[in-house]
N, C-alpha and C. Protein backbone atom coordinates (compact mmCIF):
# COMPACT_ATOMS: atom_id res chain seq x y z
N MET A 1 -49.55 -81.53 -55.30
CA MET A 1 -51.02 -81.77 -55.28
C MET A 1 -51.65 -81.38 -56.64
N LYS A 2 -51.24 -80.64 -57.45
CA LYS A 2 -52.09 -80.15 -58.43
C LYS A 2 -52.78 -80.61 -59.55
N TYR A 3 -51.79 -81.79 -59.79
CA TYR A 3 -52.33 -82.51 -61.17
C TYR A 3 -52.22 -84.08 -60.51
N ARG A 4 -53.23 -83.54 -59.64
CA ARG A 4 -53.50 -85.81 -58.79
C ARG A 4 -54.72 -86.16 -59.37
N HIS A 5 -55.47 -85.33 -59.85
CA HIS A 5 -56.49 -86.00 -60.65
C HIS A 5 -55.93 -86.48 -62.35
N ILE A 6 -54.86 -86.30 -62.31
CA ILE A 6 -54.43 -86.87 -63.59
C ILE A 6 -53.56 -88.20 -63.37
N THR A 7 -53.08 -88.55 -62.01
CA THR A 7 -53.04 -90.05 -61.49
C THR A 7 -53.25 -90.63 -61.61
N ILE A 8 -55.07 -90.30 -61.18
CA ILE A 8 -55.57 -91.17 -60.02
C ILE A 8 -56.28 -91.68 -61.44
N ILE A 9 -56.03 -91.04 -62.33
CA ILE A 9 -56.56 -91.41 -63.53
C ILE A 9 -55.66 -93.01 -64.46
N TRP A 10 -54.63 -92.75 -64.33
CA TRP A 10 -53.13 -93.30 -64.56
C TRP A 10 -53.51 -94.51 -63.74
N ASP A 11 -53.53 -94.54 -62.22
CA ASP A 11 -53.43 -95.49 -61.94
C ASP A 11 -54.50 -96.72 -61.76
N ALA A 12 -55.87 -95.51 -62.17
CA ALA A 12 -57.46 -96.78 -62.52
C ALA A 12 -56.51 -97.58 -64.01
N ILE A 13 -56.08 -96.51 -64.72
CA ILE A 13 -55.94 -97.56 -66.39
C ILE A 13 -55.20 -98.54 -65.54
N GLN A 14 -54.18 -97.90 -65.20
CA GLN A 14 -53.10 -99.03 -64.54
C GLN A 14 -53.80 -100.38 -63.63
N ILE A 15 -54.72 -100.02 -63.43
CA ILE A 15 -54.94 -101.30 -62.23
C ILE A 15 -55.99 -102.20 -63.79
N VAL A 16 -56.74 -101.58 -64.13
CA VAL A 16 -57.49 -102.36 -64.92
C VAL A 16 -57.05 -103.18 -66.44
N PHE A 17 -55.75 -101.85 -66.66
CA PHE A 17 -55.28 -102.15 -68.22
C PHE A 17 -54.65 -103.28 -67.91
N LYS A 18 -54.42 -103.75 -66.01
CA LYS A 18 -53.45 -104.81 -65.93
C LYS A 18 -53.47 -106.32 -66.10
N GLN A 19 -54.66 -106.95 -66.62
CA GLN A 19 -55.65 -107.61 -66.71
C GLN A 19 -55.83 -107.92 -68.58
N LYS A 20 -55.45 -108.88 -68.96
CA LYS A 20 -55.28 -108.71 -70.96
C LYS A 20 -56.39 -108.84 -71.46
N LYS A 21 -57.51 -109.38 -70.61
CA LYS A 21 -58.46 -109.61 -71.39
C LYS A 21 -59.28 -108.15 -71.47
N TYR A 22 -58.95 -106.96 -70.12
CA TYR A 22 -60.02 -106.17 -70.72
C TYR A 22 -58.84 -105.04 -71.71
N LEU A 23 -57.84 -104.95 -71.73
CA LEU A 23 -57.06 -104.33 -72.67
C LEU A 23 -57.37 -105.03 -73.95
N PHE A 24 -57.11 -106.31 -74.55
CA PHE A 24 -58.33 -107.13 -76.00
C PHE A 24 -58.90 -106.16 -75.94
N GLY A 25 -60.40 -106.00 -74.68
CA GLY A 25 -61.34 -106.19 -74.39
C GLY A 25 -61.62 -104.23 -75.16
N LEU A 26 -60.64 -103.27 -74.69
CA LEU A 26 -60.20 -101.94 -75.34
C LEU A 26 -60.26 -101.76 -76.45
N ILE A 27 -58.83 -103.10 -77.57
CA ILE A 27 -58.84 -103.07 -78.32
C ILE A 27 -60.48 -103.49 -79.67
N GLY A 28 -60.84 -104.04 -78.99
CA GLY A 28 -61.86 -104.49 -80.55
C GLY A 28 -62.79 -103.43 -79.64
N SER A 29 -62.80 -103.37 -78.36
CA SER A 29 -64.30 -101.94 -78.96
C SER A 29 -63.79 -100.60 -79.14
N ILE A 30 -62.33 -100.07 -79.07
CA ILE A 30 -61.38 -98.98 -79.99
C ILE A 30 -62.64 -99.35 -81.91
N ILE A 31 -62.40 -100.49 -81.74
CA ILE A 31 -62.76 -101.21 -84.05
C ILE A 31 -63.11 -100.87 -84.29
N VAL A 32 -64.04 -100.92 -82.76
CA VAL A 32 -65.90 -101.52 -83.29
C VAL A 32 -66.82 -100.04 -83.50
N ILE A 33 -65.97 -99.08 -82.56
CA ILE A 33 -66.09 -98.01 -82.15
C ILE A 33 -65.98 -97.02 -82.84
N PHE A 34 -64.86 -97.05 -83.70
CA PHE A 34 -64.33 -96.55 -84.66
C PHE A 34 -64.88 -96.25 -85.95
N TRP A 35 -65.51 -97.61 -86.66
CA TRP A 35 -66.35 -98.13 -87.67
C TRP A 35 -67.62 -97.74 -86.92
N LEU A 36 -67.95 -98.09 -86.70
CA LEU A 36 -69.27 -97.24 -86.12
C LEU A 36 -69.67 -95.87 -86.49
N PHE A 37 -68.46 -95.00 -85.66
CA PHE A 37 -68.50 -93.91 -86.13
C PHE A 37 -68.99 -93.15 -88.21
N ILE A 38 -67.75 -94.00 -88.55
CA ILE A 38 -67.78 -93.72 -90.04
C ILE A 38 -69.31 -94.14 -90.41
N LEU A 39 -69.70 -96.03 -90.19
CA LEU A 39 -70.96 -95.94 -90.70
C LEU A 39 -71.97 -95.68 -90.14
N ILE A 40 -72.37 -94.71 -89.69
CA ILE A 40 -73.35 -94.39 -89.10
C ILE A 40 -74.43 -92.70 -89.93
N PRO A 41 -72.76 -92.39 -89.97
CA PRO A 41 -73.44 -90.99 -91.69
C PRO A 41 -73.10 -92.25 -92.99
N VAL A 42 -72.82 -93.52 -93.05
CA VAL A 42 -72.79 -94.16 -94.60
C VAL A 42 -74.40 -94.86 -95.12
N ILE A 43 -74.68 -94.93 -93.59
CA ILE A 43 -76.27 -96.08 -93.56
C ILE A 43 -77.41 -94.87 -93.35
N ILE A 44 -76.99 -93.58 -92.34
CA ILE A 44 -78.24 -92.85 -92.44
C ILE A 44 -77.84 -91.74 -93.88
N VAL A 45 -77.67 -91.51 -94.40
CA VAL A 45 -77.69 -90.31 -96.20
C VAL A 45 -77.70 -91.92 -96.92
N PRO A 46 -78.82 -91.14 -97.51
CA PRO A 46 -79.02 -92.43 -98.60
C PRO A 46 -77.94 -91.85 -100.39
N GLY A 47 -77.71 -93.05 -100.73
CA GLY A 47 -76.60 -92.85 -101.91
C GLY A 47 -75.03 -92.70 -101.07
N ASN A 48 -74.62 -92.89 -99.85
CA ASN A 48 -73.57 -92.80 -99.44
C ASN A 48 -73.03 -93.90 -99.39
N ASP A 49 -71.75 -93.76 -99.39
CA ASP A 49 -71.27 -94.97 -99.29
C ASP A 49 -69.91 -95.00 -98.87
N ILE A 50 -69.55 -96.29 -98.28
CA ILE A 50 -67.82 -95.67 -97.64
C ILE A 50 -66.86 -94.93 -98.24
N PRO A 51 -66.46 -95.63 -99.95
CA PRO A 51 -65.82 -94.94 -100.29
C PRO A 51 -65.56 -93.55 -100.19
N PHE A 52 -67.16 -93.35 -100.67
CA PHE A 52 -67.15 -91.49 -100.76
C PHE A 52 -67.09 -91.23 -99.42
N GLN A 53 -67.50 -91.91 -98.26
CA GLN A 53 -67.70 -91.35 -96.45
C GLN A 53 -66.14 -90.81 -96.30
N LEU A 54 -65.62 -91.89 -96.59
CA LEU A 54 -63.85 -91.64 -96.61
C LEU A 54 -62.74 -90.36 -96.89
N SER A 55 -63.78 -90.44 -98.42
CA SER A 55 -62.44 -89.57 -99.46
C SER A 55 -63.04 -88.13 -98.91
N ILE A 56 -64.76 -87.46 -98.33
CA ILE A 56 -64.78 -86.72 -97.67
C ILE A 56 -64.17 -86.13 -96.31
N MET A 57 -63.98 -87.35 -95.67
CA MET A 57 -62.92 -86.36 -94.11
C MET A 57 -62.08 -86.21 -94.08
N PRO A 58 -61.54 -85.52 -93.96
CA PRO A 58 -60.65 -84.62 -94.15
C PRO A 58 -59.67 -85.54 -91.94
N LYS A 59 -58.53 -85.81 -92.56
CA LYS A 59 -57.21 -86.52 -92.08
C LYS A 59 -57.35 -86.24 -90.07
N LYS A 60 -58.41 -84.95 -90.29
CA LYS A 60 -58.23 -83.89 -88.95
C LYS A 60 -59.70 -84.90 -88.35
N ASP A 61 -60.43 -85.11 -89.33
CA ASP A 61 -62.20 -85.92 -88.37
C ASP A 61 -61.37 -87.58 -87.97
N PHE A 62 -60.65 -87.81 -88.54
CA PHE A 62 -60.05 -88.82 -88.36
C PHE A 62 -59.37 -89.14 -87.07
N ILE A 63 -58.19 -88.20 -87.00
CA ILE A 63 -57.84 -87.97 -85.30
C ILE A 63 -58.82 -88.36 -84.24
N ILE A 64 -60.55 -87.33 -84.36
CA ILE A 64 -61.01 -86.90 -83.74
C ILE A 64 -61.68 -87.89 -83.62
N LEU A 65 -62.41 -88.29 -84.82
CA LEU A 65 -62.98 -89.86 -84.29
C LEU A 65 -62.26 -90.77 -83.58
N LEU A 66 -60.93 -91.36 -84.11
CA LEU A 66 -59.82 -91.72 -83.20
C LEU A 66 -59.73 -91.75 -81.32
N LEU A 67 -59.52 -90.46 -81.16
CA LEU A 67 -59.71 -90.09 -79.98
C LEU A 67 -61.43 -90.48 -79.19
N LEU A 68 -62.47 -89.79 -80.47
CA LEU A 68 -63.37 -90.20 -79.54
C LEU A 68 -63.55 -91.89 -78.90
N ALA A 69 -63.17 -92.56 -79.85
CA ALA A 69 -63.68 -94.24 -79.84
C ALA A 69 -62.50 -94.89 -78.71
N ILE A 70 -60.92 -93.92 -78.70
CA ILE A 70 -60.24 -94.86 -77.42
C ILE A 70 -60.87 -94.02 -75.69
N ILE A 71 -61.56 -93.01 -76.37
CA ILE A 71 -62.17 -92.47 -74.64
C ILE A 71 -63.21 -92.78 -74.83
N THR A 72 -63.86 -93.34 -75.44
CA THR A 72 -65.14 -93.78 -75.36
C THR A 72 -65.55 -95.55 -74.53
N GLY A 73 -63.88 -96.37 -75.50
CA GLY A 73 -63.75 -97.83 -75.08
C GLY A 73 -63.26 -98.05 -73.56
N VAL A 74 -61.99 -96.71 -72.81
CA VAL A 74 -61.82 -96.53 -71.93
C VAL A 74 -63.01 -96.57 -71.19
N THR A 75 -63.17 -95.79 -71.04
CA THR A 75 -64.77 -95.64 -70.25
C THR A 75 -65.36 -96.85 -70.30
N LEU A 76 -66.34 -97.72 -71.76
CA LEU A 76 -67.00 -98.74 -71.56
C LEU A 76 -66.03 -99.96 -70.41
N LEU A 77 -65.37 -99.76 -70.82
CA LEU A 77 -64.20 -101.36 -70.09
C LEU A 77 -64.14 -100.47 -68.48
N PHE A 78 -64.09 -99.14 -68.43
CA PHE A 78 -64.12 -98.96 -66.74
C PHE A 78 -65.47 -99.62 -66.05
N HIS A 79 -66.31 -99.68 -66.49
CA HIS A 79 -67.81 -99.63 -66.86
C HIS A 79 -68.10 -101.02 -65.92
N LEU A 80 -66.85 -101.95 -67.23
CA LEU A 80 -67.50 -103.39 -67.28
C LEU A 80 -66.50 -103.76 -65.76
N TYR A 81 -65.71 -102.95 -65.50
CA TYR A 81 -64.43 -103.75 -64.36
C TYR A 81 -65.76 -103.34 -63.15
N ILE A 82 -65.57 -102.38 -63.22
CA ILE A 82 -66.84 -101.67 -62.05
C ILE A 82 -68.09 -102.89 -61.61
N MET A 83 -68.64 -103.46 -62.62
CA MET A 83 -69.83 -103.83 -62.32
C MET A 83 -69.09 -104.96 -62.08
N ARG A 84 -68.35 -105.74 -62.80
CA ARG A 84 -67.81 -106.61 -61.73
C ARG A 84 -67.37 -106.64 -60.76
N ARG A 85 -66.75 -106.17 -60.52
CA ARG A 85 -65.72 -105.60 -59.26
C ARG A 85 -66.77 -106.12 -57.73
N LYS A 86 -68.27 -104.67 -58.44
CA LYS A 86 -69.11 -105.16 -57.57
C LYS A 86 -69.96 -106.45 -57.16
N LYS A 87 -70.67 -106.72 -58.29
CA LYS A 87 -70.65 -108.32 -58.23
C LYS A 87 -70.17 -109.32 -57.26
N ALA A 88 -68.50 -109.03 -57.83
CA ALA A 88 -67.43 -110.26 -56.89
C ALA A 88 -67.61 -109.87 -55.68
N GLN A 89 -67.36 -108.46 -55.59
CA GLN A 89 -67.55 -108.49 -54.02
C GLN A 89 -69.07 -108.69 -52.56
N SER A 90 -69.87 -108.35 -53.41
CA SER A 90 -71.36 -109.07 -52.51
C SER A 90 -71.30 -110.08 -52.98
N ASN A 91 -70.96 -110.99 -53.46
CA ASN A 91 -70.62 -112.46 -54.07
C ASN A 91 -69.80 -112.73 -52.30
N LYS A 92 -69.05 -112.25 -52.28
CA LYS A 92 -68.28 -112.59 -50.99
C LYS A 92 -68.89 -112.09 -49.86
N THR A 93 -69.42 -111.03 -50.01
CA THR A 93 -69.91 -110.62 -48.39
C THR A 93 -71.42 -111.71 -48.32
N THR A 94 -72.10 -111.91 -49.48
CA THR A 94 -73.33 -113.00 -49.04
C THR A 94 -72.92 -114.36 -49.64
N GLY A 95 -71.28 -114.65 -48.83
CA GLY A 95 -71.57 -115.70 -48.82
C GLY A 95 -71.56 -117.05 -50.40
N LEU A 96 -71.52 -116.07 -51.44
CA LEU A 96 -71.80 -117.18 -52.58
C LEU A 96 -70.76 -116.82 -53.29
N TYR A 97 -69.19 -116.75 -52.88
CA TYR A 97 -68.27 -116.73 -53.33
C TYR A 97 -67.90 -117.73 -53.68
N ASN A 98 -67.37 -118.81 -55.32
CA ASN A 98 -67.02 -119.81 -55.39
C ASN A 98 -65.48 -120.29 -55.39
N ASN A 99 -64.70 -120.74 -54.61
CA ASN A 99 -63.66 -120.44 -55.48
C ASN A 99 -63.02 -121.83 -56.13
């Protein structure tokens, strides 16, 4: 029971990403978020461009940004899954669910 929280998270990942639409959504959100992490400094800093930004970033920064994008994407998809599930359950309880 020491690592129960890890198994709960792993079970949640398996439930949510069993559906292919959430898996494709995760891949898309990771790509968008990763590029946002790179493009925000390019847009904000005057005279900065993408090749220069990529040249000054060490490999460690890429790995950190990728991990942050993955965590953010998983969290985003979890929230989307919960919202859709709550909506479906409320429709079932009010009689608005159509098959």
